[in-house]
Amino acid sequence: MPKFQVSLAHYFDDVPDPRVHRTKRHLIKDIIVIALLSTIAGGDGWEDMENYGISKLTWLKEFLELPNGIQA
């Protein structure tokens, strides 16, 4: 696994998740990393973030857990 990918996801390991437990379909770390990468790629909003995640799913699975995939 490339060093950049491991270290990027690692930075968000300890971020507290303020969401109600029953609404946690996706890991907060996965959401933050995809949001960051989507924004860097020119994404603007939740739809772009989802589209980015879907289009890069194979690559993202190399360093994110994504237990419920990408879509809501």
N, C-alpha and C. Protein backbone atom coordinates (compact mmCIF):
# COMPACT_ATOMS: atom_id res chain seq x y z
N MET A 1 0.85 -1.17 0.00
CA MET A 1 0.00 0.00 0.00
C MET A 1 0.90 1.24 0.00
N PRO A 2 0.66 2.18 -0.91
CA PRO A 2 1.50 3.38 -0.96
C PRO A 2 1.45 4.16 0.36
N LYS A 3 2.57 4.74 0.72
CA LYS A 3 2.69 5.46 1.99
C LYS A 3 1.71 6.62 2.10
N PHE A 4 1.49 7.37 1.03
CA PHE A 4 0.58 8.51 1.06
C PHE A 4 -0.82 8.09 1.47
N GLN A 5 -1.32 7.01 0.91
CA GLN A 5 -2.68 6.57 1.19
C GLN A 5 -2.84 6.16 2.66
N VAL A 6 -1.90 5.46 3.19
CA VAL A 6 -1.97 5.04 4.59
C VAL A 6 -1.94 6.26 5.49
N SER A 7 -1.05 7.18 5.26
CA SER A 7 -0.91 8.33 6.15
C SER A 7 -2.11 9.27 6.05
N LEU A 8 -2.72 9.42 4.88
CA LEU A 8 -3.88 10.30 4.75
C LEU A 8 -5.04 9.81 5.60
N ALA A 9 -5.40 8.56 5.48
CA ALA A 9 -6.51 8.01 6.27
C ALA A 9 -6.16 7.99 7.75
N HIS A 10 -4.90 7.76 8.07
CA HIS A 10 -4.46 7.68 9.47
C HIS A 10 -4.69 8.99 10.22
N TYR A 11 -4.60 10.12 9.55
CA TYR A 11 -4.78 11.41 10.21
C TYR A 11 -6.18 11.57 10.81
N PHE A 12 -7.14 10.83 10.33
CA PHE A 12 -8.52 10.98 10.79
C PHE A 12 -9.00 9.85 11.70
N ASP A 13 -8.08 9.01 12.15
CA ASP A 13 -8.44 7.88 13.02
C ASP A 13 -9.11 8.31 14.32
N ASP A 14 -8.67 9.40 14.89
CA ASP A 14 -9.14 9.81 16.22
C ASP A 14 -10.17 10.93 16.18
N VAL A 15 -10.72 11.25 15.03
CA VAL A 15 -11.73 12.30 14.94
C VAL A 15 -13.01 11.81 15.61
N PRO A 16 -13.52 12.57 16.59
CA PRO A 16 -14.76 12.14 17.25
C PRO A 16 -15.95 12.25 16.31
N ASP A 17 -16.87 11.32 16.43
CA ASP A 17 -18.05 11.28 15.57
C ASP A 17 -19.26 11.77 16.36
N PRO A 18 -19.78 12.97 16.03
CA PRO A 18 -20.88 13.55 16.81
C PRO A 18 -22.26 13.02 16.43
N ARG A 19 -22.34 12.15 15.45
CA ARG A 19 -23.64 11.68 14.98
C ARG A 19 -24.30 10.71 15.96
N VAL A 20 -25.62 10.64 15.89
CA VAL A 20 -26.38 9.68 16.69
C VAL A 20 -25.99 8.28 16.22
N HIS A 21 -25.77 7.38 17.15
CA HIS A 21 -25.26 6.04 16.81
C HIS A 21 -26.11 5.33 15.74
N ARG A 22 -27.42 5.41 15.84
CA ARG A 22 -28.28 4.67 14.90
C ARG A 22 -28.22 5.21 13.47
N THR A 23 -27.64 6.40 13.29
CA THR A 23 -27.55 6.98 11.95
C THR A 23 -26.18 6.81 11.32
N LYS A 24 -25.31 6.08 11.96
CA LYS A 24 -23.94 5.92 11.46
C LYS A 24 -23.84 4.79 10.45
N ARG A 25 -24.19 5.08 9.22
CA ARG A 25 -24.10 4.08 8.16
C ARG A 25 -22.66 4.00 7.61
N HIS A 26 -21.98 5.13 7.61
CA HIS A 26 -20.62 5.20 7.07
C HIS A 26 -19.68 5.70 8.15
N LEU A 27 -18.43 5.25 8.12
CA LEU A 27 -17.43 5.69 9.09
C LEU A 27 -17.07 7.15 8.83
N ILE A 28 -16.95 7.91 9.92
CA ILE A 28 -16.64 9.34 9.80
C ILE A 28 -15.31 9.55 9.07
N LYS A 29 -14.34 8.66 9.33
CA LYS A 29 -13.03 8.77 8.67
C LYS A 29 -13.19 8.61 7.16
N ASP A 30 -14.00 7.65 6.72
CA ASP A 30 -14.22 7.44 5.29
C ASP A 30 -14.88 8.66 4.66
N ILE A 31 -15.85 9.24 5.35
CA ILE A 31 -16.55 10.41 4.83
C ILE A 31 -15.59 11.59 4.67
N ILE A 32 -14.77 11.82 5.68
CA ILE A 32 -13.84 12.96 5.63
C ILE A 32 -12.83 12.80 4.50
N VAL A 33 -12.27 11.61 4.36
CA VAL A 33 -11.26 11.38 3.32
C VAL A 33 -11.87 11.54 1.92
N ILE A 34 -13.05 10.98 1.70
CA ILE A 34 -13.69 11.11 0.39
C ILE A 34 -14.07 12.56 0.12
N ALA A 35 -14.54 13.27 1.14
CA ALA A 35 -14.89 14.69 0.97
C ALA A 35 -13.65 15.50 0.59
N LEU A 36 -12.54 15.24 1.26
CA LEU A 36 -11.30 15.95 0.97
C LEU A 36 -10.81 15.67 -0.45
N LEU A 37 -10.77 14.39 -0.81
CA LEU A 37 -10.30 14.03 -2.15
C LEU A 37 -11.23 14.55 -3.24
N SER A 38 -12.52 14.50 -3.00
CA SER A 38 -13.49 15.00 -3.96
C SER A 38 -13.33 16.51 -4.16
N THR A 39 -13.11 17.23 -3.08
CA THR A 39 -12.92 18.68 -3.16
C THR A 39 -11.65 19.02 -3.93
N ILE A 40 -10.58 18.31 -3.66
CA ILE A 40 -9.32 18.52 -4.39
C ILE A 40 -9.53 18.28 -5.88
N ALA A 41 -10.38 17.31 -6.21
CA ALA A 41 -10.64 16.98 -7.61
C ALA A 41 -11.66 17.93 -8.26
N GLY A 42 -12.11 18.94 -7.51
CA GLY A 42 -13.03 19.92 -8.08
C GLY A 42 -14.48 19.71 -7.73
N GLY A 43 -14.77 18.76 -6.86
CA GLY A 43 -16.15 18.48 -6.46
C GLY A 43 -16.73 19.62 -5.64
N ASP A 44 -18.05 19.76 -5.73
CA ASP A 44 -18.72 20.84 -5.02
C ASP A 44 -20.06 20.32 -4.50
N GLY A 45 -20.05 19.76 -3.31
CA GLY A 45 -21.30 19.29 -2.71
C GLY A 45 -21.37 17.78 -2.59
N TRP A 46 -22.48 17.32 -1.97
CA TRP A 46 -22.66 15.91 -1.66
C TRP A 46 -22.78 15.03 -2.90
N GLU A 47 -23.45 15.51 -3.94
CA GLU A 47 -23.59 14.70 -5.16
C GLU A 47 -22.24 14.44 -5.80
N ASP A 48 -21.42 15.48 -5.90
CA ASP A 48 -20.09 15.31 -6.47
C ASP A 48 -19.24 14.36 -5.61
N MET A 49 -19.41 14.46 -4.30
CA MET A 49 -18.68 13.58 -3.40
C MET A 49 -19.08 12.12 -3.62
N GLU A 50 -20.37 11.87 -3.75
CA GLU A 50 -20.86 10.52 -4.00
C GLU A 50 -20.37 10.01 -5.36
N ASN A 51 -20.47 10.85 -6.38
CA ASN A 51 -20.01 10.46 -7.73
C ASN A 51 -18.52 10.16 -7.74
N TYR A 52 -17.75 10.97 -7.02
CA TYR A 52 -16.31 10.73 -6.92
C TYR A 52 -16.05 9.38 -6.25
N GLY A 53 -16.74 9.13 -5.14
CA GLY A 53 -16.57 7.87 -4.42
C GLY A 53 -16.91 6.67 -5.27
N ILE A 54 -17.99 6.77 -6.01
CA ILE A 54 -18.40 5.65 -6.88
C ILE A 54 -17.37 5.42 -7.98
N SER A 55 -16.90 6.50 -8.58
CA SER A 55 -15.96 6.35 -9.69
C SER A 55 -14.58 5.86 -9.25
N LYS A 56 -14.22 6.10 -8.01
CA LYS A 56 -12.90 5.71 -7.48
C LYS A 56 -12.99 4.57 -6.46
N LEU A 57 -14.10 3.85 -6.44
CA LEU A 57 -14.35 2.85 -5.40
C LEU A 57 -13.24 1.82 -5.26
N THR A 58 -12.77 1.27 -6.34
CA THR A 58 -11.72 0.25 -6.28
C THR A 58 -10.47 0.80 -5.61
N TRP A 59 -10.07 1.99 -5.98
CA TRP A 59 -8.89 2.63 -5.39
C TRP A 59 -9.12 2.96 -3.93
N LEU A 60 -10.28 3.52 -3.59
CA LEU A 60 -10.58 3.91 -2.21
C LEU A 60 -10.59 2.71 -1.27
N LYS A 61 -11.02 1.55 -1.76
CA LYS A 61 -11.05 0.34 -0.93
C LYS A 61 -9.66 -0.12 -0.53
N GLU A 62 -8.63 0.38 -1.19
CA GLU A 62 -7.26 0.01 -0.83
C GLU A 62 -6.85 0.59 0.52
N PHE A 63 -7.47 1.70 0.94
CA PHE A 63 -7.05 2.32 2.19
C PHE A 63 -8.20 2.80 3.08
N LEU A 64 -9.45 2.63 2.66
CA LEU A 64 -10.60 2.95 3.50
C LEU A 64 -11.38 1.66 3.77
N GLU A 65 -12.12 1.63 4.86
CA GLU A 65 -12.88 0.43 5.19
C GLU A 65 -14.15 0.30 4.34
N LEU A 66 -14.92 1.37 4.22
CA LEU A 66 -16.14 1.39 3.41
C LEU A 66 -17.05 0.17 3.66
N PRO A 67 -17.43 -0.08 4.92
CA PRO A 67 -18.21 -1.28 5.23
C PRO A 67 -19.59 -1.33 4.55
N ASN A 68 -20.15 -0.19 4.20
CA ASN A 68 -21.46 -0.15 3.52
C ASN A 68 -21.36 0.48 2.14
N GLY A 69 -20.18 0.42 1.56
CA GLY A 69 -20.01 0.98 0.22
C GLY A 69 -19.99 2.50 0.23
N ILE A 70 -20.48 3.10 -0.85
CA ILE A 70 -20.44 4.55 -1.02
C ILE A 70 -21.81 5.19 -0.90
N GLN A 71 -22.78 4.63 -1.54
CA GLN A 71 -24.09 5.27 -1.62
C GLN A 71 -24.83 5.28 -0.29
N ALA A 72 -25.69 6.29 -0.15
CA ALA A 72 -26.48 6.46 1.07
C ALA A 72 -27.50 5.36 1.24
